[in-house]
Amino acid sequence: MSEECIFCRIAKGEIPAEKIYESDNVVAFNDINPIAPTHVLIVPKEHITSLNQMKDDKSSLAGEMIMIAREVAKKTGVAEGGYRTIINTNRSAGQEIFHLHMHVIGGRPLEKMG
C-alpha cells in the first residue's frame, strides 16, 4: 500500500467510505462524485498503479473484481436494467487516481460509446 494514495487509505479504513462490498483483496465503495445514481468503485487493496502495471499472476484478482462488479450491480439494483463497468488506464483515458479501480455505473440510461 502507498502511504499517500487515497484508495490505499480507504482500503485500510483510514478514510471513511460508504462501502458496498469488502473481501480480503478488494473493497467496493460509492464514488464521492457520482456521474449516475449508482456509481461504485471497486479497488484492489494492493496498490497497483494501473491496469498496465497489473502482473500476469494477478489474473485471479482481475476475475474477482469482475465478479464483485456483478454482485455490486445486484446489490444496488441495477443488474436487471443494465450497468457499465469501466477501467480507465492512464491520463488520456481519464484515470485521475493512480490506483487501479473499476467503475460500476448504472441507474439511468447511459450514452452509447463508440
PDB file of N, CA and C in Angstrom:
ATOM      1  N   MET A   1       0.840  -1.186   0.000  1.00  0.00           N
ATOM      2  CA  MET A   1       0.000   0.000   0.000  1.00  0.00           C
ATOM      3  C   MET A   1       0.880   1.244   0.000  1.00  0.00           C
ATOM      4  N   SER A   2       0.361   2.264  -0.593  1.00  0.00           N
ATOM      5  CA  SER A   2       1.076   3.525  -0.660  1.00  0.00           C
ATOM      6  C   SER A   2       0.529   4.463   0.417  1.00  0.00           C
ATOM      7  N   GLU A   3       1.422   5.065   1.167  1.00  0.00           N
ATOM      8  CA  GLU A   3       1.029   5.947   2.279  1.00  0.00           C
ATOM      9  C   GLU A   3       0.169   7.128   1.828  1.00  0.00           C
ATOM     10  N   GLU A   4       0.451   7.689   0.644  1.00  0.00           N
ATOM     11  CA  GLU A   4      -0.249   8.887   0.208  1.00  0.00           C
ATOM     12  C   GLU A   4      -1.439   8.605  -0.715  1.00  0.00           C
ATOM     13  N   CYS A   5      -1.615   7.380  -1.153  1.00  0.00           N
ATOM     14  CA  CYS A   5      -2.697   7.036  -2.077  1.00  0.00           C
ATOM     15  C   CYS A   5      -4.047   7.030  -1.342  1.00  0.00           C
ATOM     16  N   ILE A   6      -4.994   7.800  -1.846  1.00  0.00           N
ATOM     17  CA  ILE A   6      -6.304   7.903  -1.195  1.00  0.00           C
ATOM     18  C   ILE A   6      -7.027   6.555  -1.181  1.00  0.00           C
ATOM     19  N   PHE A   7      -6.909   5.768  -2.257  1.00  0.00           N
ATOM     20  CA  PHE A   7      -7.592   4.471  -2.292  1.00  0.00           C
ATOM     21  C   PHE A   7      -6.941   3.484  -1.330  1.00  0.00           C
ATOM     22  N   CYS A   8      -5.631   3.545  -1.160  1.00  0.00           N
ATOM     23  CA  CYS A   8      -4.968   2.703  -0.154  1.00  0.00           C
ATOM     24  C   CYS A   8      -5.459   3.079   1.241  1.00  0.00           C
ATOM     25  N   ARG A   9      -5.610   4.352   1.476  1.00  0.00           N
ATOM     26  CA  ARG A   9      -6.059   4.822   2.789  1.00  0.00           C
ATOM     27  C   ARG A   9      -7.511   4.420   3.051  1.00  0.00           C
ATOM     28  N   ILE A  10      -8.358   4.443   2.014  1.00  0.00           N
ATOM     29  CA  ILE A  10      -9.736   3.970   2.166  1.00  0.00           C
ATOM     30  C   ILE A  10      -9.728   2.479   2.449  1.00  0.00           C
ATOM     31  N   ALA A  11      -8.921   1.727   1.709  1.00  0.00           N
ATOM     32  CA  ALA A  11      -8.841   0.272   1.899  1.00  0.00           C
ATOM     33  C   ALA A  11      -8.388  -0.086   3.307  1.00  0.00           C
ATOM     34  N   LYS A  12      -7.502   0.724   3.891  1.00  0.00           N
ATOM     35  CA  LYS A  12      -7.025   0.478   5.259  1.00  0.00           C
ATOM     36  C   LYS A  12      -7.992   0.998   6.314  1.00  0.00           C
ATOM     37  N   GLY A  13      -9.037   1.713   5.907  1.00  0.00           N
ATOM     38  CA  GLY A  13     -10.004   2.257   6.855  1.00  0.00           C
ATOM     39  C   GLY A  13      -9.586   3.580   7.458  1.00  0.00           C
ATOM     40  N   GLU A  14      -8.540   4.196   6.940  1.00  0.00           N
ATOM     41  CA  GLU A  14      -8.077   5.492   7.450  1.00  0.00           C
ATOM     42  C   GLU A  14      -8.965   6.643   7.001  1.00  0.00           C
ATOM     43  N   ILE A  15      -9.608   6.470   5.851  1.00  0.00           N
ATOM     44  CA  ILE A  15     -10.536   7.468   5.323  1.00  0.00           C
ATOM     45  C   ILE A  15     -11.886   6.775   5.196  1.00  0.00           C
ATOM     46  N   PRO A  16     -12.934   7.358   5.760  1.00  0.00           N
ATOM     47  CA  PRO A  16     -14.245   6.699   5.691  1.00  0.00           C
ATOM     48  C   PRO A  16     -14.799   6.685   4.268  1.00  0.00           C
ATOM     49  N   ALA A  17     -15.526   5.634   3.954  1.00  0.00           N
ATOM     50  CA  ALA A  17     -16.196   5.499   2.667  1.00  0.00           C
ATOM     51  C   ALA A  17     -17.450   4.664   2.879  1.00  0.00           C
ATOM     52  N   GLU A  18     -18.434   4.879   2.051  1.00  0.00           N
ATOM     53  CA  GLU A  18     -19.674   4.108   2.109  1.00  0.00           C
ATOM     54  C   GLU A  18     -19.458   2.801   1.351  1.00  0.00           C
ATOM     55  N   LYS A  19     -19.003   1.783   2.089  1.00  0.00           N
ATOM     56  CA  LYS A  19     -18.637   0.511   1.476  1.00  0.00           C
ATOM     57  C   LYS A  19     -19.871  -0.292   1.089  1.00  0.00           C
ATOM     58  N   ILE A  20     -19.790  -0.882  -0.085  1.00  0.00           N
ATOM     59  CA  ILE A  20     -20.850  -1.729  -0.622  1.00  0.00           C
ATOM     60  C   ILE A  20     -20.448  -3.196  -0.479  1.00  0.00           C
ATOM     61  N   TYR A  21     -19.143  -3.457  -0.556  1.00  0.00           N
ATOM     62  CA  TYR A  21     -18.630  -4.827  -0.529  1.00  0.00           C
ATOM     63  C   TYR A  21     -17.176  -4.783  -0.077  1.00  0.00           C
ATOM     64  N   GLU A  22     -16.752  -5.835   0.631  1.00  0.00           N
ATOM     65  CA  GLU A  22     -15.340  -5.940   1.003  1.00  0.00           C
ATOM     66  C   GLU A  22     -14.958  -7.403   1.123  1.00  0.00           C
ATOM     67  N   SER A  23     -13.776  -7.730   0.600  1.00  0.00           N
ATOM     68  CA  SER A  23     -13.198  -9.062   0.739  1.00  0.00           C
ATOM     69  C   SER A  23     -11.766  -8.880   1.247  1.00  0.00           C
ATOM     70  N   ASP A  24     -11.030  -9.957   1.312  1.00  0.00           N
ATOM     71  CA  ASP A  24      -9.628  -9.866   1.731  1.00  0.00           C
ATOM     72  C   ASP A  24      -8.793  -9.065   0.737  1.00  0.00           C
ATOM     73  N   ASN A  25      -9.208  -9.061  -0.542  1.00  0.00           N
ATOM     74  CA  ASN A  25      -8.396  -8.474  -1.603  1.00  0.00           C
ATOM     75  C   ASN A  25      -8.913  -7.170  -2.182  1.00  0.00           C
ATOM     76  N   VAL A  26     -10.218  -6.913  -2.012  1.00  0.00           N
ATOM     77  CA  VAL A  26     -10.873  -5.828  -2.744  1.00  0.00           C
ATOM     78  C   VAL A  26     -11.881  -5.128  -1.842  1.00  0.00           C
ATOM     79  N   VAL A  27     -12.063  -3.837  -2.097  1.00  0.00           N
ATOM     80  CA  VAL A  27     -13.120  -3.082  -1.436  1.00  0.00           C
ATOM     81  C   VAL A  27     -13.911  -2.339  -2.512  1.00  0.00           C
ATOM     82  N   ALA A  28     -15.223  -2.268  -2.337  1.00  0.00           N
ATOM     83  CA  ALA A  28     -16.094  -1.526  -3.258  1.00  0.00           C
ATOM     84  C   ALA A  28     -16.842  -0.479  -2.442  1.00  0.00           C
ATOM     85  N   PHE A  29     -16.857   0.740  -2.947  1.00  0.00           N
ATOM     86  CA  PHE A  29     -17.499   1.839  -2.214  1.00  0.00           C
ATOM     87  C   PHE A  29     -18.076   2.846  -3.195  1.00  0.00           C
ATOM     88  N   ASN A  30     -19.049   3.626  -2.707  1.00  0.00           N
ATOM     89  CA  ASN A  30     -19.685   4.649  -3.532  1.00  0.00           C
ATOM     90  C   ASN A  30     -18.698   5.754  -3.878  1.00  0.00           C
ATOM     91  N   ASP A  31     -18.725   6.162  -5.140  1.00  0.00           N
ATOM     92  CA  ASP A  31     -17.888   7.271  -5.606  1.00  0.00           C
ATOM     93  C   ASP A  31     -18.393   8.563  -4.961  1.00  0.00           C
ATOM     94  N   ILE A  32     -17.486   9.420  -4.523  1.00  0.00           N
ATOM     95  CA  ILE A  32     -17.911  10.674  -3.885  1.00  0.00           C
ATOM     96  C   ILE A  32     -18.367  11.718  -4.908  1.00  0.00           C
ATOM     97  N   ASN A  33     -18.058  11.498  -6.190  1.00  0.00           N
ATOM     98  CA  ASN A  33     -18.510  12.381  -7.270  1.00  0.00           C
ATOM     99  C   ASN A  33     -19.219  11.544  -8.333  1.00  0.00           C
ATOM    100  N   PRO A  34     -20.403  11.014  -8.005  1.00  0.00           N
ATOM    101  CA  PRO A  34     -21.058  10.088  -8.931  1.00  0.00           C
ATOM    102  C   PRO A  34     -21.536  10.777 -10.206  1.00  0.00           C
ATOM    103  N   ILE A  35     -21.476  10.015 -11.317  1.00  0.00           N
ATOM    104  CA  ILE A  35     -21.979  10.517 -12.590  1.00  0.00           C
ATOM    105  C   ILE A  35     -23.321   9.875 -12.938  1.00  0.00           C
ATOM    106  N   ALA A  36     -23.803   9.000 -12.065  1.00  0.00           N
ATOM    107  CA  ALA A  36     -25.093   8.326 -12.240  1.00  0.00           C
ATOM    108  C   ALA A  36     -25.613   7.961 -10.855  1.00  0.00           C
ATOM    109  N   PRO A  37     -26.894   7.600 -10.746  1.00  0.00           N
ATOM    110  CA  PRO A  37     -27.435   7.223  -9.437  1.00  0.00           C
ATOM    111  C   PRO A  37     -26.640   6.109  -8.752  1.00  0.00           C
ATOM    112  N   THR A  38     -26.151   5.150  -9.524  1.00  0.00           N
ATOM    113  CA  THR A  38     -25.237   4.137  -8.993  1.00  0.00           C
ATOM    114  C   THR A  38     -23.877   4.385  -9.606  1.00  0.00           C
ATOM    115  N   HIS A  39     -22.888   4.633  -8.763  1.00  0.00           N
ATOM    116  CA  HIS A  39     -21.508   4.810  -9.218  1.00  0.00           C
ATOM    117  C   HIS A  39     -20.605   4.301  -8.096  1.00  0.00           C
ATOM    118  N   VAL A  40     -20.183   3.065  -8.259  1.00  0.00           N
ATOM    119  CA  VAL A  40     -19.383   2.378  -7.251  1.00  0.00           C
ATOM    120  C   VAL A  40     -17.988   2.139  -7.812  1.00  0.00           C
ATOM    121  N   LEU A  41     -16.983   2.284  -6.966  1.00  0.00           N
ATOM    122  CA  LEU A  41     -15.604   1.985  -7.343  1.00  0.00           C
ATOM    123  C   LEU A  41     -15.191   0.668  -6.702  1.00  0.00           C
ATOM    124  N   ILE A  42     -14.563  -0.186  -7.488  1.00  0.00           N
ATOM    125  CA  ILE A  42     -14.028  -1.453  -6.996  1.00  0.00           C
ATOM    126  C   ILE A  42     -12.514  -1.320  -7.041  1.00  0.00           C
ATOM    127  N   VAL A  43     -11.887  -1.455  -5.880  1.00  0.00           N
ATOM    128  CA  VAL A  43     -10.471  -1.141  -5.725  1.00  0.00           C
ATOM    129  C   VAL A  43      -9.743  -2.316  -5.082  1.00  0.00           C
ATOM    130  N   PRO A  44      -8.654  -2.785  -5.692  1.00  0.00           N
ATOM    131  CA  PRO A  44      -7.855  -3.803  -5.005  1.00  0.00           C
ATOM    132  C   PRO A  44      -7.168  -3.181  -3.784  1.00  0.00           C
ATOM    133  N   LYS A  45      -7.042  -3.942  -2.725  1.00  0.00           N
ATOM    134  CA  LYS A  45      -6.375  -3.431  -1.527  1.00  0.00           C
ATOM    135  C   LYS A  45      -4.876  -3.272  -1.755  1.00  0.00           C
ATOM    136  N   GLU A  46      -4.332  -4.080  -2.639  1.00  0.00           N
ATOM    137  CA  GLU A  46      -2.924  -3.947  -3.015  1.00  0.00           C
ATOM    138  C   GLU A  46      -2.783  -2.748  -3.947  1.00  0.00           C
ATOM    139  N   HIS A  47      -1.758  -1.944  -3.729  1.00  0.00           N
ATOM    140  CA  HIS A  47      -1.554  -0.784  -4.594  1.00  0.00           C
ATOM    141  C   HIS A  47      -0.978  -1.245  -5.934  1.00  0.00           C
ATOM    142  N   ILE A  48      -1.797  -1.104  -6.969  1.00  0.00           N
ATOM    143  CA  ILE A  48      -1.397  -1.347  -8.356  1.00  0.00           C
ATOM    144  C   ILE A  48      -1.740  -0.054  -9.078  1.00  0.00           C
ATOM    145  N   THR A  49      -0.766   0.575  -9.699  1.00  0.00           N
ATOM    146  CA  THR A  49      -0.958   1.913 -10.257  1.00  0.00           C
ATOM    147  C   THR A  49      -2.029   1.959 -11.341  1.00  0.00           C
ATOM    148  N   SER A  50      -1.988   1.020 -12.267  1.00  0.00           N
ATOM    149  CA  SER A  50      -2.985   0.985 -13.346  1.00  0.00           C
ATOM    150  C   SER A  50      -3.034  -0.430 -13.913  1.00  0.00           C
ATOM    151  N   LEU A  51      -3.944  -0.644 -14.844  1.00  0.00           N
ATOM    152  CA  LEU A  51      -4.049  -1.948 -15.488  1.00  0.00           C
ATOM    153  C   LEU A  51      -2.735  -2.328 -16.162  1.00  0.00           C
ATOM    154  N   ASN A  52      -1.999  -1.353 -16.664  1.00  0.00           N
ATOM    155  CA  ASN A  52      -0.704  -1.630 -17.291  1.00  0.00           C
ATOM    156  C   ASN A  52       0.305  -2.246 -16.327  1.00  0.00           C
ATOM    157  N   GLN A  53       0.175  -1.961 -15.047  1.00  0.00           N
ATOM    158  CA  GLN A  53       1.112  -2.482 -14.057  1.00  0.00           C
ATOM    159  C   GLN A  53       0.630  -3.782 -13.409  1.00  0.00           C
ATOM    160  N   MET A  54      -0.551  -4.251 -13.768  1.00  0.00           N
ATOM    161  CA  MET A  54      -1.066  -5.492 -13.194  1.00  0.00           C
ATOM    162  C   MET A  54      -0.282  -6.666 -13.778  1.00  0.00           C
ATOM    163  N   LYS A  55       0.346  -7.425 -12.920  1.00  0.00           N
ATOM    164  CA  LYS A  55       1.180  -8.552 -13.351  1.00  0.00           C
ATOM    165  C   LYS A  55       0.311  -9.762 -13.712  1.00  0.00           C
ATOM    166  N   ASP A  56       0.869 -10.633 -14.542  1.00  0.00           N
ATOM    167  CA  ASP A  56       0.151 -11.819 -15.012  1.00  0.00           C
ATOM    168  C   ASP A  56      -0.347 -12.694 -13.866  1.00  0.00           C
ATOM    169  N   ASP A  57       0.385 -12.710 -12.755  1.00  0.00           N
ATOM    170  CA  ASP A  57      -0.027 -13.566 -11.635  1.00  0.00           C
ATOM    171  C   ASP A  57      -1.213 -13.001 -10.854  1.00  0.00           C
ATOM    172  N   LYS A  58      -1.757 -11.889 -11.311  1.00  0.00           N
ATOM    173  CA  LYS A  58      -2.911 -11.255 -10.654  1.00  0.00           C
ATOM    174  C   LYS A  58      -4.216 -11.521 -11.399  1.00  0.00           C
ATOM    175  N   SER A  59      -4.234 -12.539 -12.260  1.00  0.00           N
ATOM    176  CA  SER A  59      -5.453 -12.808 -13.022  1.00  0.00           C
ATOM    177  C   SER A  59      -6.624 -13.148 -12.112  1.00  0.00           C
ATOM    178  N   SER A  60      -6.360 -13.784 -10.980  1.00  0.00           N
ATOM    179  CA  SER A  60      -7.464 -14.095 -10.060  1.00  0.00           C
ATOM    180  C   SER A  60      -8.022 -12.813  -9.438  1.00  0.00           C
ATOM    181  N   LEU A  61      -7.177 -11.828  -9.205  1.00  0.00           N
ATOM    182  CA  LEU A  61      -7.653 -10.540  -8.690  1.00  0.00           C
ATOM    183  C   LEU A  61      -8.527  -9.849  -9.731  1.00  0.00           C
ATOM    184  N   ALA A  62      -8.115  -9.892 -10.996  1.00  0.00           N
ATOM    185  CA  ALA A  62      -8.914  -9.290 -12.071  1.00  0.00           C
ATOM    186  C   ALA A  62     -10.275  -9.981 -12.150  1.00  0.00           C
ATOM    187  N   GLY A  63     -10.274 -11.303 -12.059  1.00  0.00           N
ATOM    188  CA  GLY A  63     -11.534 -12.047 -12.076  1.00  0.00           C
ATOM    189  C   GLY A  63     -12.408 -11.709 -10.886  1.00  0.00           C
ATOM    190  N   GLU A  64     -11.791 -11.568  -9.726  1.00  0.00           N
ATOM    191  CA  GLU A  64     -12.554 -11.206  -8.526  1.00  0.00           C
ATOM    192  C   GLU A  64     -13.210  -9.837  -8.699  1.00  0.00           C
ATOM    193  N   MET A  65     -12.479  -8.883  -9.280  1.00  0.00           N
ATOM    194  CA  MET A  65     -13.047  -7.553  -9.493  1.00  0.00           C
ATOM    195  C   MET A  65     -14.278  -7.622 -10.405  1.00  0.00           C
ATOM    196  N   ILE A  66     -14.212  -8.436 -11.441  1.00  0.00           N
ATOM    197  CA  ILE A  66     -15.349  -8.579 -12.359  1.00  0.00           C
ATOM    198  C   ILE A  66     -16.536  -9.226 -11.651  1.00  0.00           C
ATOM    199  N   MET A  67     -16.273 -10.266 -10.879  1.00  0.00           N
ATOM    200  CA  MET A  67     -17.363 -10.941 -10.166  1.00  0.00           C
ATOM    201  C   MET A  67     -17.977 -10.021  -9.109  1.00  0.00           C
ATOM    202  N   ILE A  68     -17.162  -9.209  -8.476  1.00  0.00           N
ATOM    203  CA  ILE A  68     -17.678  -8.247  -7.498  1.00  0.00           C
ATOM    204  C   ILE A  68     -18.529  -7.194  -8.205  1.00  0.00           C
ATOM    205  N   ALA A  69     -18.140  -6.795  -9.409  1.00  0.00           N
ATOM    206  CA  ALA A  69     -18.962  -5.838 -10.178  1.00  0.00           C
ATOM    207  C   ALA A  69     -20.361  -6.397 -10.364  1.00  0.00           C
ATOM    208  N   ARG A  70     -20.453  -7.675 -10.681  1.00  0.00           N
ATOM    209  CA  ARG A  70     -21.761  -8.318 -10.846  1.00  0.00           C
ATOM    210  C   ARG A  70     -22.545  -8.278  -9.540  1.00  0.00           C
ATOM    211  N   GLU A  71     -21.881  -8.571  -8.423  1.00  0.00           N
ATOM    212  CA  GLU A  71     -22.552  -8.549  -7.116  1.00  0.00           C
ATOM    213  C   GLU A  71     -22.967  -7.139  -6.716  1.00  0.00           C
ATOM    214  N   VAL A  72     -22.124  -6.165  -6.990  1.00  0.00           N
ATOM    215  CA  VAL A  72     -22.457  -4.765  -6.702  1.00  0.00           C
ATOM    216  C   VAL A  72     -23.688  -4.358  -7.503  1.00  0.00           C
ATOM    217  N   ALA A  73     -23.746  -4.755  -8.776  1.00  0.00           N
ATOM    218  CA  ALA A  73     -24.902  -4.420  -9.617  1.00  0.00           C
ATOM    219  C   ALA A  73     -26.181  -5.027  -9.050  1.00  0.00           C
ATOM    220  N   LYS A  74     -26.096  -6.262  -8.597  1.00  0.00           N
ATOM    221  CA  LYS A  74     -27.272  -6.896  -7.980  1.00  0.00           C
ATOM    222  C   LYS A  74     -27.669  -6.158  -6.706  1.00  0.00           C
ATOM    223  N   LYS A  75     -26.678  -5.896  -5.867  1.00  0.00           N
ATOM    224  CA  LYS A  75     -26.940  -5.281  -4.562  1.00  0.00           C
ATOM    225  C   LYS A  75     -27.509  -3.863  -4.689  1.00  0.00           C
ATOM    226  N   THR A  76     -27.082  -3.133  -5.712  1.00  0.00           N
ATOM    227  CA  THR A  76     -27.553  -1.758  -5.886  1.00  0.00           C
ATOM    228  C   THR A  76     -28.789  -1.666  -6.773  1.00  0.00           C
ATOM    229  N   GLY A  77     -29.243  -2.803  -7.294  1.00  0.00           N
ATOM    230  CA  GLY A  77     -30.479  -2.835  -8.054  1.00  0.00           C
ATOM    231  C   GLY A  77     -30.371  -2.453  -9.521  1.00  0.00           C
ATOM    232  N   VAL A  78     -29.171  -2.454 -10.080  1.00  0.00           N
ATOM    233  CA  VAL A  78     -29.023  -2.075 -11.489  1.00  0.00           C
ATOM    234  C   VAL A  78     -28.744  -3.267 -12.404  1.00  0.00           C
ATOM    235  N   ALA A  79     -28.620  -4.455 -11.854  1.00  0.00           N
ATOM    236  CA  ALA A  79     -28.244  -5.627 -12.657  1.00  0.00           C
ATOM    237  C   ALA A  79     -29.235  -5.888 -13.781  1.00  0.00           C
ATOM    238  N   GLU A  80     -30.508  -5.882 -13.466  1.00  0.00           N
ATOM    239  CA  GLU A  80     -31.518  -6.223 -14.471  1.00  0.00           C
ATOM    240  C   GLU A  80     -31.646  -5.144 -15.538  1.00  0.00           C
ATOM    241  N   GLY A  81     -31.638  -3.882 -15.139  1.00  0.00           N
ATOM    242  CA  GLY A  81     -31.791  -2.784 -16.094  1.00  0.00           C
ATOM    243  C   GLY A  81     -30.546  -2.533 -16.926  1.00  0.00           C
ATOM    244  N   GLY A  82     -29.390  -2.822 -16.355  1.00  0.00           N
ATOM    245  CA  GLY A  82     -28.128  -2.658 -17.065  1.00  0.00           C
ATOM    246  C   GLY A  82     -27.178  -1.719 -16.349  1.00  0.00           C
ATOM    247  N   TYR A  83     -25.919  -1.965 -16.561  1.00  0.00           N
ATOM    248  CA  TYR A  83     -24.861  -1.168 -15.948  1.00  0.00           C
ATOM    249  C   TYR A  83     -23.619  -1.240 -16.817  1.00  0.00           C
ATOM    250  N   ARG A  84     -22.690  -0.364 -16.548  1.00  0.00           N
ATOM    251  CA  ARG A  84     -21.436  -0.312 -17.289  1.00  0.00           C
ATOM    252  C   ARG A  84     -20.280  -0.477 -16.311  1.00  0.00           C
ATOM    253  N   THR A  85     -19.263  -1.220 -16.740  1.00  0.00           N
ATOM    254  CA  THR A  85     -18.027  -1.320 -15.977  1.00  0.00           C
ATOM    255  C   THR A  85     -16.927  -0.661 -16.803  1.00  0.00           C
ATOM    256  N   ILE A  86     -16.099   0.122 -16.133  1.00  0.00           N
ATOM    257  CA  ILE A  86     -15.044   0.871 -16.822  1.00  0.00           C
ATOM    258  C   ILE A  86     -13.768   0.815 -15.992  1.00  0.00           C
ATOM    259  N   ILE A  87     -12.662   0.557 -16.667  1.00  0.00           N
ATOM    260  CA  ILE A  87     -11.337   0.723 -16.067  1.00  0.00           C
ATOM    261  C   ILE A  87     -10.600   1.727 -16.946  1.00  0.00           C
ATOM    262  N   ASN A  88     -10.388   2.930 -16.427  1.00  0.00           N
ATOM    263  CA  ASN A  88      -9.605   3.935 -17.148  1.00  0.00           C
ATOM    264  C   ASN A  88      -8.136   3.668 -16.867  1.00  0.00           C
ATOM    265  N   THR A  89      -7.317   3.703 -17.910  1.00  0.00           N
ATOM    266  CA  THR A  89      -5.888   3.433 -17.751  1.00  0.00           C
ATOM    267  C   THR A  89      -5.075   4.606 -18.285  1.00  0.00           C
ATOM    268  N   ASN A  90      -4.480   5.330 -17.367  1.00  0.00           N
ATOM    269  CA  ASN A  90      -3.621   6.494 -17.616  1.00  0.00           C
ATOM    270  C   ASN A  90      -4.428   7.739 -17.980  1.00  0.00           C
ATOM    271  N   ARG A  91      -3.739   8.871 -17.990  1.00  0.00           N
ATOM    272  CA  ARG A  91      -4.386  10.186 -18.088  1.00  0.00           C
ATOM    273  C   ARG A  91      -5.256  10.366 -19.323  1.00  0.00           C
ATOM    274  N   SER A  92      -4.784   9.951 -20.478  1.00  0.00           N
ATOM    275  CA  SER A  92      -5.546  10.169 -21.716  1.00  0.00           C
ATOM    276  C   SER A  92      -6.876   9.436 -21.707  1.00  0.00           C
ATOM    277  N   ALA A  93      -6.975   8.398 -20.900  1.00  0.00           N
ATOM    278  CA  ALA A  93      -8.233   7.645 -20.788  1.00  0.00           C
ATOM    279  C   ALA A  93      -9.106   8.166 -19.653  1.00  0.00           C
ATOM    280  N   GLY A  94      -8.602   9.132 -18.901  1.00  0.00           N
ATOM    281  CA  GLY A  94      -9.394   9.716 -17.828  1.00  0.00           C
ATOM    282  C   GLY A  94      -9.054   9.223 -16.434  1.00  0.00           C
ATOM    283  N   GLN A  95      -7.977   8.438 -16.278  1.00  0.00           N
ATOM    284  CA  GLN A  95      -7.599   7.991 -14.936  1.00  0.00           C
ATOM    285  C   GLN A  95      -7.094   9.189 -14.147  1.00  0.00           C
ATOM    286  N   GLU A  96      -7.711   9.438 -13.004  1.00  0.00           N
ATOM    287  CA  GLU A  96      -7.332  10.561 -12.148  1.00  0.00           C
ATOM    288  C   GLU A  96      -6.605  10.107 -10.899  1.00  0.00           C
ATOM    289  N   ILE A  97      -7.006   8.965 -10.336  1.00  0.00           N
ATOM    290  CA  ILE A  97      -6.350   8.389  -9.166  1.00  0.00           C
ATOM    291  C   ILE A  97      -5.514   7.218  -9.669  1.00  0.00           C
ATOM    292  N   PHE A  98      -4.224   7.268  -9.431  1.00  0.00           N
ATOM    293  CA  PHE A  98      -3.329   6.244  -9.970  1.00  0.00           C
ATOM    294  C   PHE A  98      -3.192   5.073  -9.004  1.00  0.00           C
ATOM    295  N   HIS A  99      -4.338   4.419  -8.854  1.00  0.00           N
ATOM    296  CA  HIS A  99      -4.503   3.145  -8.152  1.00  0.00           C
ATOM    297  C   HIS A  99      -5.581   2.448  -8.965  1.00  0.00           C
ATOM    298  N   LEU A 100      -5.285   1.273  -9.490  1.00  0.00           N
ATOM    299  CA  LEU A 100      -6.231   0.541 -10.319  1.00  0.00           C
ATOM    300  C   LEU A 100      -7.612   0.536  -9.668  1.00  0.00           C
ATOM    301  N   HIS A 101      -8.646   0.821 -10.449  1.00  0.00           N
ATOM    302  CA  HIS A 101     -10.013   0.756  -9.948  1.00  0.00           C
ATOM    303  C   HIS A 101     -10.981   0.580 -11.112  1.00  0.00           C
ATOM    304  N   MET A 102     -12.096  -0.051 -10.805  1.00  0.00           N
ATOM    305  CA  MET A 102     -13.162  -0.284 -11.784  1.00  0.00           C
ATOM    306  C   MET A 102     -14.393   0.483 -11.347  1.00  0.00           C
ATOM    307  N   HIS A 103     -15.009   1.186 -12.285  1.00  0.00           N
ATOM    308  CA  HIS A 103     -16.260   1.884 -12.037  1.00  0.00           C
ATOM    309  C   HIS A 103     -17.419   0.965 -12.398  1.00  0.00           C
ATOM    310  N   VAL A 104     -18.450   0.947 -11.571  1.00  0.00           N
ATOM    311  CA  VAL A 104     -19.712   0.286 -11.884  1.00  0.00           C
ATOM    312  C   VAL A 104     -20.750   1.403 -11.893  1.00  0.00           C
ATOM    313  N   ILE A 105     -21.326   1.646 -13.076  1.00  0.00           N
ATOM    314  CA  ILE A 105     -22.193   2.804 -13.275  1.00  0.00           C
ATOM    315  C   ILE A 105     -23.548   2.340 -13.809  1.00  0.00           C
ATOM    316  N   GLY A 106     -24.621   2.837 -13.220  1.00  0.00           N
ATOM    317  CA  GLY A 106     -25.961   2.487 -13.686  1.00  0.00           C
ATOM    318  C   GLY A 106     -27.019   3.317 -13.000  1.00  0.00           C
ATOM    319  N   GLY A 107     -28.263   2.916 -13.200  1.00  0.00           N
ATOM    320  CA  GLY A 107     -29.374   3.611 -12.567  1.00  0.00           C
ATOM    321  C   GLY A 107     -30.030   4.652 -13.441  1.00  0.00           C
ATOM    322  N   ARG A 108     -29.522   4.831 -14.648  1.00  0.00           N
ATOM    323  CA  ARG A 108     -30.111   5.734 -15.628  1.00  0.00           C
ATOM    324  C   ARG A 108     -29.613   5.277 -17.000  1.00  0.00           C
ATOM    325  N   PRO A 109     -30.303   5.673 -18.073  1.00  0.00           N
ATOM    326  CA  PRO A 109     -29.797   5.332 -19.414  1.00  0.00           C
ATOM    327  C   PRO A 109     -28.421   5.961 -19.633  1.00  0.00           C
ATOM    328  N   LEU A 110     -27.511   5.187 -20.160  1.00  0.00           N
ATOM    329  CA  LEU A 110     -26.151   5.650 -20.421  1.00  0.00           C
ATOM    330  C   LEU A 110     -25.948   5.839 -21.907  1.00  0.00           C
ATOM    331  N   GLU A 111     -25.180   6.850 -22.271  1.00  0.00           N
ATOM    332  CA  GLU A 111     -24.901   7.121 -23.683  1.00  0.00           C
ATOM    333  C   GLU A 111     -24.120   5.964 -24.287  1.00  0.00           C
ATOM    334  N   LYS A 112     -24.380   5.703 -25.567  1.00  0.00           N
ATOM    335  CA  LYS A 112     -23.615   4.688 -26.288  1.00  0.00           C
ATOM    336  C   LYS A 112     -22.185   5.162 -26.433  1.00  0.00           C
ATOM    337  N   MET A 113     -21.281   4.227 -26.379  1.00  0.00           N
ATOM    338  CA  MET A 113     -19.871   4.561 -26.568  1.00  0.00           C
ATOM    339  C   MET A 113     -19.440   4.082 -27.944  1.00  0.00           C
ATOM    340  N   GLY A 114     -18.561   4.853 -28.573  1.00  0.00           N
ATOM    341  CA  GLY A 114     -18.007   4.449 -29.871  1.00  0.00           C
ATOM    342  C   GLY A 114     -18.913   4.761 -30.925  1.00  0.00           C
TER     343      GLY A 114
END
